[in-house]
Amino acid sequence: MNTFLIAIIIANVLFSYKGFKDYSFFRKYEFHIGSIRSGEQIRMFTSGFLHADITHLAFNMITLFFFAPVVILYLGSWVFLMIYLASLLFGSLLTLGLHKNDYNYRAVGASGAVTGILYSAILLRPDMMLGIFFIIPIPAYVFGILYLFYSIYGMKAKNDGIGHTAHFGGAIGGYLITLLVYPDLLFLNPLMVSLLTIPIVILFILIKLKKI
């Protein structure tokens, strides 16, 4: 397994476990608008290594485990790391932008970074098939699109403390960086490049209409 991938998974597990056991640690490093606007910008990075619970952590790390090798194979280890970290920050920036006036807004999770890797992998290998619950076959690009639609639901519900808004920032980060590094995708598979913009465009329409 790739060294960067192992390091990222270990960092997420250890940091999240510490947060599960130490409430003050969790509060100190979670994404919190009021604290960030007061100067604690480090939370925009550290919150990406905290998770709400074991299920949240497991889902993100399993998703990363399955999709990261595709990005590493096609783009290399350093580009994989760049996409992961940039997507994390893209997710935090979008969240800050959309919730800047909600000083009590809190969120955690690697979802932004993981969604960036997910979107990158699907752009590179749209023909992949996934097994939902390891049984039901589904094309990877359908999974990616449905994942973001689920995120829209989470953003509207606002009831689980998970950074759903970061999913979109991360997806945008992974999408843009992959196309910048490998622009031939625009000509090799323009349909897939277009399809993967659909949930992102819908999100911004909903924001414009003040539905979220």
Protein backbone atom coordinates (compact mmCIF):
# COMPACT_ATOMS: atom_id res chain seq x y z
CA MET A 1 0.00 0.00 0.00
CA ASN A 2 1.19 3.53 -0.73
CA THR A 3 3.07 5.28 2.08
CA PHE A 4 1.06 8.51 1.80
CA LEU A 5 -2.22 6.59 1.90
CA ILE A 6 -1.15 4.64 5.00
CA ALA A 7 -0.01 7.83 6.72
CA ILE A 8 -3.31 9.63 5.99
CA ILE A 9 -5.42 6.74 7.28
CA ILE A 10 -3.32 6.40 10.45
CA ALA A 11 -3.50 10.16 11.07
CA ASN A 12 -7.29 10.12 10.71
CA VAL A 13 -7.70 7.12 13.01
CA LEU A 14 -5.40 8.45 15.74
CA PHE A 15 -6.68 12.03 15.64
CA SER A 16 -10.32 10.89 15.58
CA TYR A 17 -9.79 8.38 18.38
CA LYS A 18 -8.26 11.13 20.52
CA GLY A 19 -11.32 13.25 19.77
CA PHE A 20 -13.68 10.41 20.73
CA LYS A 21 -12.02 10.11 24.14
CA ASP A 22 -11.23 13.77 24.84
CA TYR A 23 -14.13 16.18 24.42
CA SER A 24 -11.99 19.28 24.99
CA PHE A 25 -9.55 18.12 22.27
CA PHE A 26 -12.48 17.59 19.89
CA ARG A 27 -13.84 21.08 20.58
CA LYS A 28 -10.41 22.66 20.23
CA TYR A 29 -9.78 21.33 16.72
CA GLU A 30 -13.25 20.99 15.15
CA PHE A 31 -14.45 23.32 12.40
CA HIS A 32 -16.17 26.20 14.22
CA ILE A 33 -17.03 29.40 12.38
CA GLY A 34 -16.80 31.67 15.41
CA SER A 35 -13.35 30.41 16.35
CA ILE A 36 -12.06 30.51 12.77
CA ARG A 37 -13.24 34.09 12.30
CA SER A 38 -11.51 34.93 15.58
CA GLY A 39 -8.18 33.81 14.13
CA GLU A 40 -8.04 30.03 14.62
CA GLN A 41 -7.68 29.18 10.95
CA ILE A 42 -5.83 25.96 11.82
CA ARG A 43 -9.26 24.44 12.49
CA MET A 44 -9.91 24.53 8.73
CA PHE A 45 -7.24 21.84 8.44
CA THR A 46 -7.44 19.92 11.73
CA SER A 47 -11.21 19.41 11.49
CA GLY A 48 -10.54 17.24 8.44
CA PHE A 49 -8.91 14.64 10.69
CA LEU A 50 -11.71 14.50 13.28
CA HIS A 51 -14.91 12.47 12.91
CA ALA A 52 -18.29 12.43 14.58
CA ASP A 53 -18.17 8.70 15.42
CA ILE A 54 -16.68 5.35 14.38
CA THR A 55 -19.18 4.89 11.54
CA HIS A 56 -18.33 8.30 10.08
CA LEU A 57 -14.60 7.54 10.31
CA ALA A 58 -14.96 4.05 8.83
CA PHE A 59 -17.06 5.23 5.89
CA ASN A 60 -14.54 7.92 4.96
CA MET A 61 -11.49 5.69 5.34
CA ILE A 62 -13.04 2.76 3.43
CA THR A 63 -14.01 5.12 0.60
CA LEU A 64 -10.48 6.53 0.56
CA PHE A 65 -8.97 3.03 0.63
CA PHE A 66 -10.91 1.96 -2.47
CA PHE A 67 -10.45 5.09 -4.58
CA ALA A 68 -6.97 6.36 -3.65
CA PRO A 69 -5.10 3.59 -5.55
CA VAL A 70 -6.71 4.72 -8.80
CA VAL A 71 -5.46 8.29 -8.35
CA ILE A 72 -2.02 7.08 -7.29
CA LEU A 73 -1.77 4.74 -10.29
CA TYR A 74 -2.70 7.39 -12.86
CA LEU A 75 -1.29 10.57 -11.33
CA GLY A 76 1.36 9.44 -8.83
CA SER A 77 1.79 9.68 -5.07
CA TRP A 78 2.60 13.38 -4.85
CA VAL A 79 -0.37 14.44 -6.95
CA PHE A 80 -2.58 12.17 -4.83
CA LEU A 81 -1.34 13.93 -1.70
CA MET A 82 -1.83 17.33 -3.32
CA ILE A 83 -5.42 16.49 -4.31
CA TYR A 84 -6.20 15.15 -0.83
CA LEU A 85 -4.90 18.20 1.05
CA ALA A 86 -6.19 20.74 -1.47
CA SER A 87 -9.65 19.13 -1.45
CA LEU A 88 -9.68 19.29 2.34
CA LEU A 89 -8.98 23.02 2.20
CA PHE A 90 -11.42 23.60 -0.67
CA GLY A 91 -14.09 21.96 1.48
CA SER A 92 -13.27 24.16 4.46
CA LEU A 93 -13.22 27.31 2.33
CA LEU A 94 -16.61 26.57 0.80
CA THR A 95 -18.05 25.82 4.23
CA LEU A 96 -16.65 29.06 5.60
CA GLY A 97 -18.05 30.97 2.65
CA LEU A 98 -21.55 29.53 2.97
CA HIS A 99 -21.78 29.71 6.76
CA LYS A 100 -19.64 32.75 7.54
CA ASN A 101 -22.43 34.48 9.43
CA ASP A 102 -23.43 31.41 11.45
CA TYR A 103 -20.92 31.75 14.27
CA ASN A 104 -22.18 28.57 15.95
CA TYR A 105 -21.71 26.34 12.90
CA ARG A 106 -19.60 23.27 13.72
CA ALA A 107 -18.51 20.33 11.59
CA VAL A 108 -15.89 17.61 11.35
CA GLY A 109 -14.75 14.96 8.92
CA ALA A 110 -12.37 14.03 6.13
CA SER A 111 -15.30 14.01 3.73
CA GLY A 112 -14.06 17.00 1.71
CA ALA A 113 -10.66 15.44 1.11
CA VAL A 114 -12.13 11.98 0.46
CA THR A 115 -14.73 13.30 -1.95
CA GLY A 116 -11.94 15.07 -3.84
CA ILE A 117 -10.14 11.73 -4.25
CA LEU A 118 -13.44 10.03 -5.13
CA TYR A 119 -14.17 12.53 -7.88
CA SER A 120 -10.62 12.37 -9.19
CA ALA A 121 -10.74 8.57 -9.36
CA ILE A 122 -14.09 8.58 -11.16
CA LEU A 123 -12.82 11.08 -13.72
CA LEU A 124 -9.83 8.83 -14.34
CA ARG A 125 -11.75 5.53 -14.35
CA PRO A 126 -15.45 6.18 -14.99
CA ASP A 127 -15.87 2.54 -16.07
CA MET A 128 -15.26 1.20 -12.55
CA MET A 129 -18.04 -0.85 -10.96
CA LEU A 130 -18.71 -0.74 -7.25
CA GLY A 131 -20.70 -3.07 -5.04
CA ILE A 132 -23.13 -1.32 -2.73
CA PHE A 133 -23.14 -3.38 0.47
CA PHE A 134 -20.68 -5.54 -1.52
CA ILE A 135 -23.63 -7.00 -3.46
CA ILE A 136 -25.47 -4.50 -5.66
CA PRO A 137 -23.32 -3.45 -8.66
CA ILE A 138 -23.34 0.25 -9.49
CA PRO A 139 -21.16 2.33 -11.82
CA ALA A 140 -18.62 4.44 -9.92
CA TYR A 141 -19.80 7.69 -11.48
CA VAL A 142 -23.37 6.98 -10.33
CA PHE A 143 -22.08 6.36 -6.81
CA GLY A 144 -20.19 9.66 -6.89
CA ILE A 145 -23.20 11.62 -8.05
CA LEU A 146 -25.54 9.97 -5.53
CA TYR A 147 -23.00 10.62 -2.77
CA LEU A 148 -23.18 14.34 -3.43
CA PHE A 149 -26.98 14.30 -3.62
CA TYR A 150 -26.94 12.64 -0.19
CA SER A 151 -24.71 15.49 0.92
CA ILE A 152 -27.33 18.00 -0.24
CA TYR A 153 -29.83 16.19 1.98
CA GLY A 154 -27.39 16.35 4.89
CA MET A 155 -26.87 20.07 4.35
CA LYS A 156 -30.60 20.69 4.43
CA ALA A 157 -31.22 18.44 7.47
CA LYS A 158 -28.33 19.86 9.55
CA ASN A 159 -28.82 17.19 12.18
CA ASP A 160 -25.66 15.07 12.32
CA GLY A 161 -22.69 17.42 12.86
CA ILE A 162 -21.00 16.17 9.68
CA GLY A 163 -19.45 18.67 7.27
CA HIS A 164 -21.66 17.96 4.27
CA THR A 165 -20.88 21.33 2.70
CA ALA A 166 -17.24 20.27 2.63
CA HIS A 167 -18.14 17.38 0.32
CA PHE A 168 -18.82 19.85 -2.43
CA GLY A 169 -15.75 21.94 -1.85
CA GLY A 170 -13.72 18.75 -1.88
CA ALA A 171 -15.38 17.49 -5.05
CA ILE A 172 -14.68 20.78 -6.78
CA GLY A 173 -11.06 20.63 -5.61
CA GLY A 174 -10.54 17.07 -6.82
CA TYR A 175 -12.36 17.77 -10.06
CA LEU A 176 -10.40 20.92 -10.94
CA ILE A 177 -6.95 19.68 -9.93
CA THR A 178 -7.38 16.40 -11.82
CA LEU A 179 -8.35 18.28 -14.97
CA LEU A 180 -5.46 20.70 -14.52
CA VAL A 181 -2.97 17.87 -14.12
CA TYR A 182 -4.55 15.69 -16.83
CA PRO A 183 -6.39 18.05 -19.23
CA ASP A 184 -6.67 15.33 -21.89
CA LEU A 185 -9.69 14.04 -19.96
CA LEU A 186 -11.70 16.93 -21.39
CA PHE A 187 -11.29 15.36 -24.83
CA LEU A 188 -11.10 11.68 -23.88
CA ASN A 189 -14.37 11.64 -21.94
CA PRO A 190 -16.29 14.92 -22.21
CA LEU A 191 -19.57 13.21 -21.26
CA MET A 192 -18.24 12.04 -17.90
CA VAL A 193 -16.61 15.41 -17.23
CA SER A 194 -20.03 16.99 -17.84
CA LEU A 195 -22.03 14.44 -15.81
CA LEU A 196 -19.92 14.92 -12.72
CA THR A 197 -20.69 18.63 -12.69
CA ILE A 198 -24.44 18.01 -12.33
CA PRO A 199 -24.73 17.79 -8.50
CA ILE A 200 -22.27 20.67 -8.10
CA VAL A 201 -24.32 22.87 -10.41
CA ILE A 202 -27.55 21.85 -8.66
CA LEU A 203 -26.06 22.75 -5.29
CA PHE A 204 -25.17 26.26 -6.42
CA ILE A 205 -28.63 26.70 -7.96
CA LEU A 206 -30.17 25.74 -4.61
CA ILE A 207 -27.86 28.16 -2.82
CA LYS A 208 -28.80 30.91 -5.28
CA LEU A 209 -32.48 30.16 -4.67
CA LYS A 210 -31.79 30.16 -0.89
CA LYS A 211 -33.04 26.60 -0.55
CA ILE A 212 -29.99 25.68 1.53
